[in-house]
Amino acid sequence: MNWLLVVVGGAVGAPLRYLTDRTVQARHQTLFPWGTFAVNVAGSLVLGVLAGAAVSSATYALLGTGLCGALTTYSTFSYETLRLAERGAALVAGAYATASVLVGLGAVWAGWELGAL
């Protein structure tokens, strides 16, 4: 039954990622990929809350694996970082990679603390 929860969560997370990315990018006309950054940080925060709250396996399948798995995207992050470097924006690529990792870790930690309350 958990597989069905993962499917449902993914069916919500994937379009949410796409719509969020497009909305954020439309407001920020810069090289920095703010849309992907935003969904990855949000997903890290949600995963931290779920882990800190020690939710049931069914809830984690729905929201953690399904929703957050489809919402966040390491492959797009990697691709965007590579494309920035290829375009000669090595400083922006480095800032994006560094900020993604550090802010993502901060978000998962903050989420964990919130979930444990």
C-alpha atoms as a PDB file:
ATOM      1  CA  MET A   1       0.000   0.000   0.000  1.00  0.00           C
ATOM      2  CA  ASN A   2       2.930   2.376   0.621  1.00  0.00           C
ATOM      3  CA  TRP A   3       3.742   2.364  -3.093  1.00  0.00           C
ATOM      4  CA  LEU A   4       0.348   3.942  -3.780  1.00  0.00           C
ATOM      5  CA  LEU A   5       1.070   6.696  -1.267  1.00  0.00           C
ATOM      6  CA  VAL A   6       4.392   7.372  -3.010  1.00  0.00           C
ATOM      7  CA  VAL A   7       2.566   7.608  -6.356  1.00  0.00           C
ATOM      8  CA  VAL A   8      -0.015  10.049  -4.964  1.00  0.00           C
ATOM      9  CA  GLY A   9       2.653  12.204  -3.306  1.00  0.00           C
ATOM     10  CA  GLY A  10       4.706  12.211  -6.500  1.00  0.00           C
ATOM     11  CA  ALA A  11       1.660  13.176  -8.557  1.00  0.00           C
ATOM     12  CA  VAL A  12       1.352  16.292  -6.405  1.00  0.00           C
ATOM     13  CA  GLY A  13       5.075  17.023  -6.024  1.00  0.00           C
ATOM     14  CA  ALA A  14       6.051  16.943  -9.710  1.00  0.00           C
ATOM     15  CA  PRO A  15       3.575  19.581 -10.947  1.00  0.00           C
ATOM     16  CA  LEU A  16       4.208  21.618  -7.797  1.00  0.00           C
ATOM     17  CA  ARG A  17       7.926  21.666  -8.628  1.00  0.00           C
ATOM     18  CA  TYR A  18       7.274  22.705 -12.215  1.00  0.00           C
ATOM     19  CA  LEU A  19       4.781  25.439 -11.312  1.00  0.00           C
ATOM     20  CA  THR A  20       6.938  26.774  -8.479  1.00  0.00           C
ATOM     21  CA  ASP A  21      10.034  26.838 -10.680  1.00  0.00           C
ATOM     22  CA  ARG A  22       8.249  28.686 -13.489  1.00  0.00           C
ATOM     23  CA  THR A  23       6.651  31.186 -11.092  1.00  0.00           C
ATOM     24  CA  VAL A  24       9.888  31.973  -9.264  1.00  0.00           C
ATOM     25  CA  GLN A  25      11.990  32.160 -12.437  1.00  0.00           C
ATOM     26  CA  ALA A  26       9.475  34.532 -14.052  1.00  0.00           C
ATOM     27  CA  ARG A  27      10.052  36.977 -11.188  1.00  0.00           C
ATOM     28  CA  HIS A  28      13.847  36.748 -11.185  1.00  0.00           C
ATOM     29  CA  GLN A  29      15.534  37.358 -14.521  1.00  0.00           C
ATOM     30  CA  THR A  30      19.029  36.356 -13.390  1.00  0.00           C
ATOM     31  CA  LEU A  31      21.430  33.537 -14.173  1.00  0.00           C
ATOM     32  CA  PHE A  32      20.945  32.091 -10.697  1.00  0.00           C
ATOM     33  CA  PRO A  33      18.328  29.301 -10.869  1.00  0.00           C
ATOM     34  CA  TRP A  34      16.096  30.554  -8.060  1.00  0.00           C
ATOM     35  CA  GLY A  35      13.211  28.207  -8.906  1.00  0.00           C
ATOM     36  CA  THR A  36      15.180  24.996  -8.430  1.00  0.00           C
ATOM     37  CA  PHE A  37      16.900  26.475  -5.397  1.00  0.00           C
ATOM     38  CA  ALA A  38      13.515  27.291  -3.831  1.00  0.00           C
ATOM     39  CA  VAL A  39      11.993  23.839  -4.333  1.00  0.00           C
ATOM     40  CA  ASN A  40      15.120  22.074  -3.090  1.00  0.00           C
ATOM     41  CA  VAL A  41      15.258  24.178   0.076  1.00  0.00           C
ATOM     42  CA  ALA A  42      11.512  23.763   0.671  1.00  0.00           C
ATOM     43  CA  GLY A  43      11.799  19.999   0.200  1.00  0.00           C
ATOM     44  CA  SER A  44      14.717  19.857   2.627  1.00  0.00           C
ATOM     45  CA  LEU A  45      12.677  21.737   5.211  1.00  0.00           C
ATOM     46  CA  VAL A  46       9.689  19.407   4.811  1.00  0.00           C
ATOM     47  CA  LEU A  47      11.885  16.309   5.048  1.00  0.00           C
ATOM     48  CA  GLY A  48      13.448  17.689   8.202  1.00  0.00           C
ATOM     49  CA  VAL A  49      10.032  18.289   9.761  1.00  0.00           C
ATOM     50  CA  LEU A  50       8.936  14.758   8.902  1.00  0.00           C
ATOM     51  CA  ALA A  51      12.114  13.245  10.340  1.00  0.00           C
ATOM     52  CA  GLY A  52      11.979  15.386  13.468  1.00  0.00           C
ATOM     53  CA  ALA A  53       8.333  14.519  14.054  1.00  0.00           C
ATOM     54  CA  ALA A  54       9.049  10.802  13.563  1.00  0.00           C
ATOM     55  CA  VAL A  55       5.944  10.362  11.417  1.00  0.00           C
ATOM     56  CA  SER A  56       4.512   6.998  10.471  1.00  0.00           C
ATOM     57  CA  SER A  57       5.920   5.079   7.536  1.00  0.00           C
ATOM     58  CA  ALA A  58       2.725   5.759   5.576  1.00  0.00           C
ATOM     59  CA  THR A  59       3.018   9.506   6.130  1.00  0.00           C
ATOM     60  CA  TYR A  60       6.679   9.424   5.204  1.00  0.00           C
ATOM     61  CA  ALA A  61       5.888   7.445   2.027  1.00  0.00           C
ATOM     62  CA  LEU A  62       3.277  10.024   1.001  1.00  0.00           C
ATOM     63  CA  LEU A  63       5.062  13.232   1.964  1.00  0.00           C
ATOM     64  CA  GLY A  64       8.737  12.321   2.223  1.00  0.00           C
ATOM     65  CA  THR A  65       9.338   9.886  -0.596  1.00  0.00           C
ATOM     66  CA  GLY A  66       6.416  10.854  -2.839  1.00  0.00           C
ATOM     67  CA  LEU A  67       5.900  14.603  -2.472  1.00  0.00           C
ATOM     68  CA  CYS A  68       9.450  15.645  -1.606  1.00  0.00           C
ATOM     69  CA  GLY A  69      10.989  13.104  -3.965  1.00  0.00           C
ATOM     70  CA  ALA A  70       9.120  14.646  -6.872  1.00  0.00           C
ATOM     71  CA  LEU A  71       9.353  18.228  -5.592  1.00  0.00           C
ATOM     72  CA  THR A  72      13.121  18.306  -5.163  1.00  0.00           C
ATOM     73  CA  THR A  73      15.566  17.660  -7.944  1.00  0.00           C
ATOM     74  CA  TYR A  74      19.246  16.865  -7.639  1.00  0.00           C
ATOM     75  CA  SER A  75      19.541  16.160 -11.350  1.00  0.00           C
ATOM     76  CA  THR A  76      18.281  19.608 -12.341  1.00  0.00           C
ATOM     77  CA  PHE A  77      20.533  21.212  -9.722  1.00  0.00           C
ATOM     78  CA  SER A  78      23.521  19.358 -11.195  1.00  0.00           C
ATOM     79  CA  TYR A  79      22.578  20.213 -14.768  1.00  0.00           C
ATOM     80  CA  GLU A  80      22.008  23.891 -13.995  1.00  0.00           C
ATOM     81  CA  THR A  81      25.347  24.100 -12.200  1.00  0.00           C
ATOM     82  CA  LEU A  82      27.112  22.548 -15.196  1.00  0.00           C
ATOM     83  CA  ARG A  83      25.327  24.862 -17.660  1.00  0.00           C
ATOM     84  CA  LEU A  84      26.298  27.929 -15.631  1.00  0.00           C
ATOM     85  CA  ALA A  85      29.947  26.851 -15.654  1.00  0.00           C
ATOM     86  CA  GLU A  86      29.821  26.138 -19.397  1.00  0.00           C
ATOM     87  CA  ARG A  87      28.398  29.603 -20.051  1.00  0.00           C
ATOM     88  CA  GLY A  88      31.346  31.202 -18.310  1.00  0.00           C
ATOM     89  CA  ALA A  89      29.466  31.970 -15.105  1.00  0.00           C
ATOM     90  CA  ALA A  90      31.761  29.922 -12.875  1.00  0.00           C
ATOM     91  CA  LEU A  91      31.282  32.274  -9.923  1.00  0.00           C
ATOM     92  CA  VAL A  92      27.490  31.959 -10.136  1.00  0.00           C
ATOM     93  CA  ALA A  93      27.811  28.158 -10.532  1.00  0.00           C
ATOM     94  CA  GLY A  94      30.006  27.962  -7.445  1.00  0.00           C
ATOM     95  CA  ALA A  95      27.686  30.198  -5.455  1.00  0.00           C
ATOM     96  CA  TYR A  96      24.678  28.121  -6.534  1.00  0.00           C
ATOM     97  CA  ALA A  97      26.309  24.825  -5.584  1.00  0.00           C
ATOM     98  CA  THR A  98      27.585  26.159  -2.264  1.00  0.00           C
ATOM     99  CA  ALA A  99      24.343  27.892  -1.327  1.00  0.00           C
ATOM    100  CA  SER A 100      22.263  24.867  -2.324  1.00  0.00           C
ATOM    101  CA  VAL A 101      24.211  22.543  -0.062  1.00  0.00           C
ATOM    102  CA  LEU A 102      24.554  24.916   2.899  1.00  0.00           C
ATOM    103  CA  VAL A 103      21.022  26.306   2.816  1.00  0.00           C
ATOM    104  CA  GLY A 104      19.596  22.829   2.178  1.00  0.00           C
ATOM    105  CA  LEU A 105      21.418  21.466   5.220  1.00  0.00           C
ATOM    106  CA  GLY A 106      20.252  24.445   7.268  1.00  0.00           C
ATOM    107  CA  ALA A 107      16.671  23.871   6.127  1.00  0.00           C
ATOM    108  CA  VAL A 108      16.675  20.166   7.000  1.00  0.00           C
ATOM    109  CA  TRP A 109      18.159  20.973  10.420  1.00  0.00           C
ATOM    110  CA  ALA A 110      15.574  23.711  11.046  1.00  0.00           C
ATOM    111  CA  GLY A 111      12.820  21.358   9.927  1.00  0.00           C
ATOM    112  CA  TRP A 112      14.094  18.640  12.254  1.00  0.00           C
ATOM    113  CA  GLU A 113      14.001  21.081  15.153  1.00  0.00           C
ATOM    114  CA  LEU A 114      10.482  22.222  14.237  1.00  0.00           C
ATOM    115  CA  GLY A 115       9.265  18.660  13.852  1.00  0.00           C
ATOM    116  CA  ALA A 116      10.682  17.643  17.215  1.00  0.00           C
ATOM    117  CA  LEU A 117       8.696  20.310  19.087  1.00  0.00           C
END
